[in-house]
Amino acid sequence: MAEQELKNTKFDAHVDAIEKHKALLEKLHLDSNTHLDEINNSISNLTLTLEEYLKVIGIP
């Protein structure tokens, strides 16, 4: 996989995680029955995808 393709893949994965987290927060706003462990898992996924993307673009 070329470097630019890897950057794009990691970037797309992080953007996807952001969109999913946003949808989860909107669901929580409308329906407070959303479990907090779902939100915690979503935040963990955001962190992981951001770390992977930053490594690929050269920010440790």
Protein backbone atom coordinates (compact mmCIF):
# COMPACT_ATOMS: atom_id res chain seq x y z
CA MET A 1 0.00 0.00 0.00
CA ALA A 2 1.41 3.38 -1.00
CA GLU A 3 2.00 5.98 1.69
CA GLN A 4 -0.70 8.33 0.39
CA GLU A 5 -3.19 5.47 0.20
CA LEU A 6 -2.38 4.52 3.80
CA LYS A 7 -2.88 8.14 4.90
CA ASN A 8 -6.22 8.25 3.12
CA THR A 9 -7.33 4.96 4.67
CA LYS A 10 -6.44 6.08 8.21
CA PHE A 11 -8.04 9.50 7.64
CA ASP A 12 -11.24 7.91 6.32
CA ALA A 13 -11.37 5.54 9.30
CA HIS A 14 -11.08 8.46 11.71
CA VAL A 15 -13.73 10.51 9.90
CA ASP A 16 -16.03 7.48 10.02
CA ALA A 17 -15.43 7.17 13.77
CA ILE A 18 -16.25 10.87 14.20
CA GLU A 19 -19.50 10.51 12.27
CA LYS A 20 -20.52 7.45 14.28
CA HIS A 21 -19.73 9.22 17.54
CA LYS A 22 -21.73 12.26 16.44
CA ALA A 23 -24.72 10.04 15.65
CA LEU A 24 -24.39 8.38 19.05
CA LEU A 25 -24.33 11.75 20.81
CA GLU A 26 -27.40 12.88 18.87
CA LYS A 27 -29.14 9.67 19.93
CA LEU A 28 -28.16 10.35 23.54
CA HIS A 29 -29.50 13.89 23.25
CA LEU A 30 -32.84 12.64 21.97
CA ASP A 31 -33.07 9.49 24.07
CA SER A 32 -31.23 9.45 27.38
CA ASN A 33 -31.53 5.65 27.53
CA THR A 34 -28.34 5.31 25.49
CA HIS A 35 -25.87 3.33 27.56
CA LEU A 36 -22.78 5.19 28.66
CA ASP A 37 -20.60 2.18 27.80
CA GLU A 38 -21.55 2.72 24.14
CA ILE A 39 -20.32 6.28 24.40
CA ASN A 40 -17.13 5.17 26.15
CA ASN A 41 -16.45 2.62 23.41
CA SER A 42 -17.05 5.29 20.79
CA ILE A 43 -14.60 7.66 22.47
CA SER A 44 -12.03 4.86 22.66
CA ASN A 45 -12.49 4.24 18.93
CA LEU A 46 -12.05 7.95 18.20
CA THR A 47 -8.81 7.96 20.18
CA LEU A 48 -7.47 4.87 18.46
CA THR A 49 -8.25 6.05 14.93
CA LEU A 50 -6.77 9.49 15.65
CA GLU A 51 -3.57 7.96 17.05
CA GLU A 52 -3.22 5.72 13.98
CA TYR A 53 -3.78 8.63 11.61
CA LEU A 54 -1.29 10.88 13.42
CA LYS A 55 1.37 8.14 13.29
CA VAL A 56 0.87 7.75 9.54
CA ILE A 57 1.28 11.48 8.88
CA GLY A 58 4.38 11.61 11.08
CA ILE A 59 3.13 13.07 14.33
CA PRO A 60 4.14 10.75 17.19
